[in-house]
PDB file of N, CA and C in Angstrom:
ATOM      1  N   MET A   1      38.999 -25.092 -23.422  1.00  0.00           N
ATOM      2  CA  MET A   1      38.645 -24.972 -22.328  1.00  0.00           C
ATOM      3  C   MET A   1      37.328 -25.665 -22.143  1.00  0.00           C
ATOM      4  N   THR A   2      37.702 -25.971 -21.054  1.00  0.00           N
ATOM      5  CA  THR A   2      35.630 -27.298 -21.126  1.00  0.00           C
ATOM      6  C   THR A   2      35.074 -26.503 -19.555  1.00  0.00           C
ATOM      7  N   LEU A   3      33.529 -26.526 -19.910  1.00  0.00           N
ATOM      8  CA  LEU A   3      32.429 -25.403 -19.782  1.00  0.00           C
ATOM      9  C   LEU A   3      32.166 -25.955 -18.737  1.00  0.00           C
ATOM     10  N   ILE A   4      31.959 -25.696 -17.661  1.00  0.00           N
ATOM     11  CA  ILE A   4      30.944 -26.870 -16.544  1.00  0.00           C
ATOM     12  C   ILE A   4      29.808 -25.938 -15.728  1.00  0.00           C
ATOM     13  N   LYS A   5      28.732 -26.881 -15.520  1.00  0.00           N
ATOM     14  CA  LYS A   5      27.329 -26.563 -15.552  1.00  0.00           C
ATOM     15  C   LYS A   5      26.936 -25.932 -13.911  1.00  0.00           C
ATOM     16  N   GLU A   6      27.254 -25.390 -13.273  1.00  0.00           N
ATOM     17  CA  GLU A   6      26.778 -25.145 -12.360  1.00  0.00           C
ATOM     18  C   GLU A   6      26.028 -24.167 -11.721  1.00  0.00           C
ATOM     19  N   ARG A   7      25.862 -23.978 -11.094  1.00  0.00           N
ATOM     20  CA  ARG A   7      24.510 -22.694 -10.176  1.00  0.00           C
ATOM     21  C   ARG A   7      25.275 -21.618  -9.586  1.00  0.00           C
ATOM     22  N   PRO A   8      25.553 -20.558  -9.905  1.00  0.00           N
ATOM     23  CA  PRO A   8      26.067 -19.134  -9.089  1.00  0.00           C
ATOM     24  C   PRO A   8      26.246 -19.371  -7.549  1.00  0.00           C
ATOM     25  N   PRO A   9      26.967 -19.087  -6.374  1.00  0.00           N
ATOM     26  CA  PRO A   9      26.671 -19.157  -5.314  1.00  0.00           C
ATOM     27  C   PRO A   9      26.026 -18.466  -5.053  1.00  0.00           C
ATOM     28  N   ALA A  10      25.057 -18.624  -4.004  1.00  0.00           N
ATOM     29  CA  ALA A  10      24.043 -17.540  -3.610  1.00  0.00           C
ATOM     30  C   ALA A  10      24.412 -16.695  -2.822  1.00  0.00           C
ATOM     31  N   ILE A  11      23.788 -15.360  -3.102  1.00  0.00           N
ATOM     32  CA  ILE A  11      24.209 -13.981  -2.490  1.00  0.00           C
ATOM     33  C   ILE A  11      22.522 -14.040  -0.456  1.00  0.00           C
ATOM     34  N   SER A  12      23.210 -13.514  -0.273  1.00  0.00           N
ATOM     35  CA  SER A  12      22.510 -13.831   0.761  1.00  0.00           C
ATOM     36  C   SER A  12      21.781 -12.474   1.035  1.00  0.00           C
ATOM     37  N   TRP A  13      20.533 -12.089   0.962  1.00  0.00           N
ATOM     38  CA  TRP A  13      19.662 -11.387   1.265  1.00  0.00           C
ATOM     39  C   TRP A  13      20.139 -10.013   2.305  1.00  0.00           C
ATOM     40  N   ARG A  14      21.098 -10.183   3.158  1.00  0.00           N
ATOM     41  CA  ARG A  14      22.086  -8.946   4.334  1.00  0.00           C
ATOM     42  C   ARG A  14      22.663  -8.511   2.951  1.00  0.00           C
ATOM     43  N   ASP A  15      23.921  -9.536   2.656  1.00  0.00           N
ATOM     44  CA  ASP A  15      25.068  -9.216   1.581  1.00  0.00           C
ATOM     45  C   ASP A  15      24.123  -8.315   0.002  1.00  0.00           C
ATOM     46  N   ARG A  16      23.015  -8.754  -0.088  1.00  0.00           N
ATOM     47  CA  ARG A  16      22.538  -7.632  -1.184  1.00  0.00           C
ATOM     48  C   ARG A  16      21.435  -6.866  -0.630  1.00  0.00           C
ATOM     49  N   LEU A  17      21.479  -6.284   0.084  1.00  0.00           N
ATOM     50  CA  LEU A  17      20.872  -5.197   0.942  1.00  0.00           C
ATOM     51  C   LEU A  17      21.621  -4.201   1.526  1.00  0.00           C
ATOM     52  N   GLU A  18      23.537  -4.361   1.810  1.00  0.00           N
ATOM     53  CA  GLU A  18      24.183  -3.871   2.622  1.00  0.00           C
ATOM     54  C   GLU A  18      24.514  -2.634   2.123  1.00  0.00           C
ATOM     55  N   PRO A  19      24.683  -2.501   0.458  1.00  0.00           N
ATOM     56  CA  PRO A  19      24.659  -1.234  -0.227  1.00  0.00           C
ATOM     57  C   PRO A  19      23.914  -0.052  -0.518  1.00  0.00           C
ATOM     58  N   ILE A  20      22.978  -0.417  -0.365  1.00  0.00           N
ATOM     59  CA  ILE A  20      21.555   0.245   0.161  1.00  0.00           C
ATOM     60  C   ILE A  20      21.490   1.328   1.340  1.00  0.00           C
ATOM     61  N   THR A  21      22.407   0.326   2.503  1.00  0.00           N
ATOM     62  CA  THR A  21      22.446   1.347   3.749  1.00  0.00           C
ATOM     63  C   THR A  21      23.205   3.007   3.445  1.00  0.00           C
ATOM     64  N   GLU A  22      23.940   2.751   2.331  1.00  0.00           N
ATOM     65  CA  GLU A  22      24.790   4.222   2.431  1.00  0.00           C
ATOM     66  C   GLU A  22      23.856   5.152   1.698  1.00  0.00           C
ATOM     67  N   THR A  23      22.801   4.400   0.825  1.00  0.00           N
ATOM     68  CA  THR A  23      21.698   5.648   0.363  1.00  0.00           C
ATOM     69  C   THR A  23      20.343   5.688   1.671  1.00  0.00           C
ATOM     70  N   PRO A  24      20.036   5.855   2.090  1.00  0.00           N
ATOM     71  CA  PRO A  24      18.679   6.040   2.769  1.00  0.00           C
ATOM     72  C   PRO A  24      17.740   6.146   2.278  1.00  0.00           C
ATOM     73  N   ASN A  25      16.861   5.764   2.123  1.00  0.00           N
ATOM     74  CA  ASN A  25      15.363   7.145   1.369  1.00  0.00           C
ATOM     75  C   ASN A  25      15.238   6.505   0.388  1.00  0.00           C
ATOM     76  N   GLU A  26      15.963   6.113  -0.819  1.00  0.00           N
ATOM     77  CA  GLU A  26      16.089   6.004  -1.933  1.00  0.00           C
ATOM     78  C   GLU A  26      15.667   4.961  -2.251  1.00  0.00           C
ATOM     79  N   TRP A  27      14.669   4.272  -3.083  1.00  0.00           N
ATOM     80  CA  TRP A  27      14.190   3.010  -2.952  1.00  0.00           C
ATOM     81  C   TRP A  27      14.914   2.595  -4.174  1.00  0.00           C
ATOM     82  N   MET A  28      14.836   1.240  -4.499  1.00  0.00           N
ATOM     83  CA  MET A  28      16.314   0.608  -4.891  1.00  0.00           C
ATOM     84  C   MET A  28      15.864  -0.923  -5.938  1.00  0.00           C
ATOM     85  N   ARG A  29      16.544  -1.313  -6.992  1.00  0.00           N
ATOM     86  CA  ARG A  29      15.916  -1.893  -7.074  1.00  0.00           C
ATOM     87  C   ARG A  29      16.645  -3.625  -6.801  1.00  0.00           C
ATOM     88  N   VAL A  30      15.896  -4.568  -6.322  1.00  0.00           N
ATOM     89  CA  VAL A  30      17.581  -5.303  -6.070  1.00  0.00           C
ATOM     90  C   VAL A  30      16.825  -7.039  -6.476  1.00  0.00           C
ATOM     91  N   GLU A  31      16.321  -6.999  -6.360  1.00  0.00           N
ATOM     92  CA  GLU A  31      15.524  -8.405  -7.555  1.00  0.00           C
ATOM     93  C   GLU A  31      14.601  -8.677  -8.883  1.00  0.00           C
ATOM     94  N   GLU A  32      14.481  -9.096  -9.490  1.00  0.00           N
ATOM     95  CA  GLU A  32      13.887  -9.743 -10.582  1.00  0.00           C
ATOM     96  C   GLU A  32      13.634 -10.834 -10.932  1.00  0.00           C
ATOM     97  N   TYR A  33      12.314 -12.070 -10.441  1.00  0.00           N
ATOM     98  CA  TYR A  33      11.598 -12.983 -10.815  1.00  0.00           C
ATOM     99  C   TYR A  33      11.105 -12.928 -12.466  1.00  0.00           C
ATOM    100  N   ALA A  34      10.599 -14.235 -12.261  1.00  0.00           N
ATOM    101  CA  ALA A  34       9.660 -14.442 -13.739  1.00  0.00           C
ATOM    102  C   ALA A  34       8.419 -14.398 -13.450  1.00  0.00           C
ATOM    103  N   LEU A  35       7.913 -14.602 -12.473  1.00  0.00           N
ATOM    104  CA  LEU A  35       6.440 -14.674 -11.881  1.00  0.00           C
ATOM    105  C   LEU A  35       6.790 -13.895 -10.740  1.00  0.00           C
ATOM    106  N   PRO A  36       5.420 -12.711 -11.076  1.00  0.00           N
ATOM    107  CA  PRO A  36       5.166 -11.829  -9.834  1.00  0.00           C
ATOM    108  C   PRO A  36       4.945 -12.514  -8.643  1.00  0.00           C
ATOM    109  N   ALA A  37       4.524 -13.423  -8.634  1.00  0.00           N
ATOM    110  CA  ALA A  37       4.223 -13.751  -7.005  1.00  0.00           C
ATOM    111  C   ALA A  37       5.534 -14.168  -5.987  1.00  0.00           C
ATOM    112  N   THR A  38       6.281 -14.429  -7.284  1.00  0.00           N
ATOM    113  CA  THR A  38       7.877 -14.801  -6.253  1.00  0.00           C
ATOM    114  C   THR A  38       8.306 -13.722  -5.543  1.00  0.00           C
ATOM    115  N   ALA A  39       7.655 -12.491  -6.592  1.00  0.00           N
ATOM    116  CA  ALA A  39       8.494 -11.360  -5.931  1.00  0.00           C
ATOM    117  C   ALA A  39       7.285 -10.927  -4.875  1.00  0.00           C
ATOM    118  N   TYR A  40       5.879 -10.969  -4.196  1.00  0.00           N
ATOM    119  CA  TYR A  40       5.311 -11.003  -3.442  1.00  0.00           C
ATOM    120  C   TYR A  40       5.811 -11.568  -2.410  1.00  0.00           C
ATOM    121  N   SER A  41       5.982 -12.827  -2.596  1.00  0.00           N
ATOM    122  CA  SER A  41       6.422 -13.858  -1.633  1.00  0.00           C
ATOM    123  C   SER A  41       7.302 -13.165  -0.904  1.00  0.00           C
ATOM    124  N   ILE A  42       8.372 -13.298  -1.913  1.00  0.00           N
ATOM    125  CA  ILE A  42       9.940 -13.215  -1.110  1.00  0.00           C
ATOM    126  C   ILE A  42       9.657 -11.088  -0.195  1.00  0.00           C
ATOM    127  N   VAL A  43       8.644 -10.448  -0.990  1.00  0.00           N
ATOM    128  CA  VAL A  43       8.273  -8.917   0.151  1.00  0.00           C
ATOM    129  C   VAL A  43       7.504  -9.657   1.339  1.00  0.00           C
ATOM    130  N   SER A  44       7.169 -10.426   2.100  1.00  0.00           N
ATOM    131  CA  SER A  44       6.143 -10.689   2.256  1.00  0.00           C
ATOM    132  C   SER A  44       7.437 -11.455   3.677  1.00  0.00           C
ATOM    133  N   ALA A  45       8.013 -12.375   3.014  1.00  0.00           N
ATOM    134  CA  ALA A  45       9.150 -13.130   3.716  1.00  0.00           C
ATOM    135  C   ALA A  45      10.054 -12.229   4.471  1.00  0.00           C
ATOM    136  N   LEU A  46      10.397 -10.802   3.276  1.00  0.00           N
ATOM    137  CA  LEU A  46      11.013  -9.546   4.490  1.00  0.00           C
ATOM    138  C   LEU A  46      10.769  -8.861   5.270  1.00  0.00           C
ATOM    139  N   ARG A  47       9.503  -8.889   4.588  1.00  0.00           N
ATOM    140  CA  ARG A  47       8.684  -7.856   5.818  1.00  0.00           C
ATOM    141  C   ARG A  47       7.825  -8.397   7.627  1.00  0.00           C
ATOM    142  N   ARG A  48       8.290  -9.973   7.073  1.00  0.00           N
ATOM    143  CA  ARG A  48       8.217 -11.112   8.379  1.00  0.00           C
ATOM    144  C   ARG A  48       9.270 -11.276   9.453  1.00  0.00           C
ATOM    145  N   GLY A  49      10.327 -10.623   8.441  1.00  0.00           N
ATOM    146  CA  GLY A  49      11.635 -11.713   9.381  1.00  0.00           C
ATOM    147  C   GLY A  49      12.495 -12.503   8.696  1.00  0.00           C
ATOM    148  N   ASP A  50      11.579 -13.298   7.884  1.00  0.00           N
ATOM    149  CA  ASP A  50      11.541 -14.529   7.780  1.00  0.00           C
ATOM    150  C   ASP A  50      13.557 -14.233   6.774  1.00  0.00           C
ATOM    151  N   LYS A  51      13.696 -13.714   6.083  1.00  0.00           N
ATOM    152  CA  LYS A  51      14.991 -13.559   5.394  1.00  0.00           C
ATOM    153  C   LYS A  51      15.710 -12.703   6.368  1.00  0.00           C
ATOM    154  N   LYS A  52      17.004 -12.936   6.730  1.00  0.00           N
ATOM    155  CA  LYS A  52      17.822 -11.506   7.370  1.00  0.00           C
ATOM    156  C   LYS A  52      18.302 -10.482   6.405  1.00  0.00           C
ATOM    157  N   VAL A  53      18.085  -9.740   7.540  1.00  0.00           N
ATOM    158  CA  VAL A  53      18.797  -8.133   6.341  1.00  0.00           C
ATOM    159  C   VAL A  53      19.100  -7.252   7.018  1.00  0.00           C
ATOM    160  N   PRO A  54      20.386  -6.439   6.761  1.00  0.00           N
ATOM    161  CA  PRO A  54      21.047  -5.584   7.870  1.00  0.00           C
ATOM    162  C   PRO A  54      20.070  -4.814   9.064  1.00  0.00           C
ATOM    163  N   GLU A  55      20.377  -4.863   9.995  1.00  0.00           N
ATOM    164  CA  GLU A  55      20.334  -4.071  11.337  1.00  0.00           C
ATOM    165  C   GLU A  55      19.356  -2.796  10.494  1.00  0.00           C
ATOM    166  N   GLY A  56      18.321  -2.030  10.652  1.00  0.00           N
ATOM    167  CA  GLY A  56      17.951  -0.625  10.509  1.00  0.00           C
ATOM    168  C   GLY A  56      15.766  -1.037   9.773  1.00  0.00           C
ATOM    169  N   VAL A  57      15.697   0.250   9.843  1.00  0.00           N
ATOM    170  CA  VAL A  57      14.146   0.366   9.091  1.00  0.00           C
ATOM    171  C   VAL A  57      14.258  -0.165   7.835  1.00  0.00           C
ATOM    172  N   TRP A  58      14.012  -1.094   7.434  1.00  0.00           N
ATOM    173  CA  TRP A  58      13.303  -0.865   6.120  1.00  0.00           C
ATOM    174  C   TRP A  58      12.110  -0.702   5.334  1.00  0.00           C
ATOM    175  N   ASP A  59      11.697  -0.858   3.811  1.00  0.00           N
ATOM    176  CA  ASP A  59      10.633  -0.824   3.696  1.00  0.00           C
ATOM    177  C   ASP A  59      10.838  -1.606   2.437  1.00  0.00           C
ATOM    178  N   PHE A  60      10.238  -2.317   1.463  1.00  0.00           N
ATOM    179  CA  PHE A  60      10.214  -3.279   0.728  1.00  0.00           C
ATOM    180  C   PHE A  60       8.784  -3.696  -0.023  1.00  0.00           C
ATOM    181  N   ARG A  61       8.770  -3.512  -1.243  1.00  0.00           N
ATOM    182  CA  ARG A  61       7.898  -3.386  -2.020  1.00  0.00           C
ATOM    183  C   ARG A  61       7.920  -4.454  -3.572  1.00  0.00           C
ATOM    184  N   ALA A  62       6.757  -5.295  -3.762  1.00  0.00           N
ATOM    185  CA  ALA A  62       6.667  -5.751  -5.049  1.00  0.00           C
ATOM    186  C   ALA A  62       5.657  -5.271  -5.403  1.00  0.00           C
ATOM    187  N   ALA A  63       6.103  -5.007  -7.045  1.00  0.00           N
ATOM    188  CA  ALA A  63       5.615  -4.910  -8.429  1.00  0.00           C
ATOM    189  C   ALA A  63       5.795  -5.643  -9.459  1.00  0.00           C
ATOM    190  N   LYS A  64       4.756  -5.254 -10.140  1.00  0.00           N
ATOM    191  CA  LYS A  64       4.484  -6.626 -11.671  1.00  0.00           C
ATOM    192  C   LYS A  64       5.202  -4.544 -12.965  1.00  0.00           C
ATOM    193  N   ILE A  65       6.296  -6.050 -13.146  1.00  0.00           N
ATOM    194  CA  ILE A  65       6.483  -4.793 -15.014  1.00  0.00           C
ATOM    195  C   ILE A  65       6.358  -5.820 -15.100  1.00  0.00           C
ATOM    196  N   GLY A  66       5.804  -5.399 -17.046  1.00  0.00           N
ATOM    197  CA  GLY A  66       5.664  -6.302 -18.125  1.00  0.00           C
ATOM    198  C   GLY A  66       4.783  -7.681 -17.128  1.00  0.00           C
ATOM    199  N   ARG A  67       5.536  -8.998 -17.649  1.00  0.00           N
ATOM    200  CA  ARG A  67       5.230  -9.999 -16.836  1.00  0.00           C
ATOM    201  C   ARG A  67       6.012 -11.164 -15.804  1.00  0.00           C
ATOM    202  N   ARG A  68       6.817 -10.004 -15.412  1.00  0.00           N
ATOM    203  CA  ARG A  68       7.981 -10.249 -14.341  1.00  0.00           C
ATOM    204  C   ARG A  68       8.001  -9.604 -12.868  1.00  0.00           C
ATOM    205  N   GLY A  69       8.390 -10.570 -12.212  1.00  0.00           N
ATOM    206  CA  GLY A  69       7.756  -9.288 -10.600  1.00  0.00           C
ATOM    207  C   GLY A  69       9.671  -8.839 -10.281  1.00  0.00           C
ATOM    208  N   VAL A  70       9.158  -7.341  -9.700  1.00  0.00           N
ATOM    209  CA  VAL A  70      10.447  -6.878  -8.999  1.00  0.00           C
ATOM    210  C   VAL A  70       9.989  -6.805  -8.006  1.00  0.00           C
ATOM    211  N   VAL A  71      11.774  -7.371  -7.136  1.00  0.00           N
ATOM    212  CA  VAL A  71      11.511  -6.350  -5.427  1.00  0.00           C
ATOM    213  C   VAL A  71      12.232  -5.146  -5.601  1.00  0.00           C
ATOM    214  N   PHE A  72      12.090  -4.093  -5.033  1.00  0.00           N
ATOM    215  CA  PHE A  72      12.097  -3.132  -4.394  1.00  0.00           C
ATOM    216  C   PHE A  72      12.494  -2.672  -3.059  1.00  0.00           C
ATOM    217  N   ALA A  73      13.213  -1.855  -2.169  1.00  0.00           N
ATOM    218  CA  ALA A  73      13.989  -1.716  -1.482  1.00  0.00           C
ATOM    219  C   ALA A  73      14.099  -0.758  -0.951  1.00  0.00           C
ATOM    220  N   ARG A  74      14.205  -0.246   0.156  1.00  0.00           N
ATOM    221  CA  ARG A  74      14.869   1.344   1.349  1.00  0.00           C
ATOM    222  C   ARG A  74      15.145   1.017   2.292  1.00  0.00           C
ATOM    223  N   PHE A  75      15.871   1.436   2.316  1.00  0.00           N
ATOM    224  CA  PHE A  75      16.775   1.608   3.974  1.00  0.00           C
ATOM    225  C   PHE A  75      16.808   3.143   4.417  1.00  0.00           C
ATOM    226  N   VAL A  76      15.458   3.305   4.984  1.00  0.00           N
ATOM    227  CA  VAL A  76      15.078   3.745   5.870  1.00  0.00           C
ATOM    228  C   VAL A  76      15.553   4.832   6.973  1.00  0.00           C
ATOM    229  N   THR A  77      15.951   4.134   7.689  1.00  0.00           N
ATOM    230  CA  THR A  77      17.328   4.857   9.007  1.00  0.00           C
ATOM    231  C   THR A  77      17.665   3.355   9.987  1.00  0.00           C
ATOM    232  N   ALA A  78      18.870   3.420  10.396  1.00  0.00           N
ATOM    233  CA  ALA A  78      19.190   3.085  11.360  1.00  0.00           C
ATOM    234  C   ALA A  78      18.000   2.596  12.723  1.00  0.00           C
ATOM    235  N   LYS A  79      18.665   1.456  12.826  1.00  0.00           N
ATOM    236  CA  LYS A  79      17.680   1.057  14.675  1.00  0.00           C
ATOM    237  C   LYS A  79      17.950   1.994  15.839  1.00  0.00           C
ATOM    238  N   ASN A  80      18.756   2.123  15.595  1.00  0.00           N
ATOM    239  CA  ASN A  80      18.916   2.989  16.875  1.00  0.00           C
ATOM    240  C   ASN A  80      18.651   4.386  16.893  1.00  0.00           C
ATOM    241  N   GLU A  81      18.906   5.120  15.400  1.00  0.00           N
ATOM    242  CA  GLU A  81      18.170   6.370  15.543  1.00  0.00           C
ATOM    243  C   GLU A  81      16.441   6.460  15.330  1.00  0.00           C
ATOM    244  N   ALA A  82      16.302   4.754  15.094  1.00  0.00           N
ATOM    245  CA  ALA A  82      14.425   5.597  15.034  1.00  0.00           C
ATOM    246  C   ALA A  82      14.210   5.321  15.727  1.00  0.00           C
ATOM    247  N   THR A  83      14.699   4.422  16.991  1.00  0.00           N
ATOM    248  CA  THR A  83      14.299   4.673  18.212  1.00  0.00           C
ATOM    249  C   THR A  83      15.138   5.468  19.123  1.00  0.00           C
ATOM    250  N   THR A  84      15.714   6.593  18.993  1.00  0.00           N
ATOM    251  CA  THR A  84      16.377   7.756  19.306  1.00  0.00           C
ATOM    252  C   THR A  84      15.075   8.486  18.500  1.00  0.00           C
ATOM    253  N   GLU A  85      14.490   8.812  17.605  1.00  0.00           N
ATOM    254  CA  GLU A  85      13.286   9.481  17.034  1.00  0.00           C
ATOM    255  C   GLU A  85      11.486   9.338  18.141  1.00  0.00           C
ATOM    256  N   ILE A  86      11.643   8.433  18.389  1.00  0.00           N
ATOM    257  CA  ILE A  86      10.198   7.595  18.711  1.00  0.00           C
ATOM    258  C   ILE A  86      10.492   8.000  20.377  1.00  0.00           C
ATOM    259  N   ALA A  87      11.338   7.844  21.064  1.00  0.00           N
ATOM    260  CA  ALA A  87      11.666   8.263  22.667  1.00  0.00           C
ATOM    261  C   ALA A  87      11.092  10.263  22.796  1.00  0.00           C
ATOM    262  N   ALA A  88      12.171  10.634  21.346  1.00  0.00           N
ATOM    263  CA  ALA A  88      11.931  11.887  21.605  1.00  0.00           C
ATOM    264  C   ALA A  88      10.630  12.835  21.646  1.00  0.00           C
TER     265      ALA A  88
END
């Protein structure tokens, strides 16, 4: 067997977060980085909408665990449900 050195295909944030929509209001660890600064940067980008995520209302948090940075996500509710609650 010949070994081929290559990077795995990138997984979009939308694909990475989609399974979380099945368990609303549950915090999930979605990614880990060697540097905490990277996790904080990614969370900022997710909050600003720079990364595409599934429709709905989301919470994102970064944390330093040991020497690594970890990204956590929580799906709160579908966008149309949030609009209905605000209008009521």
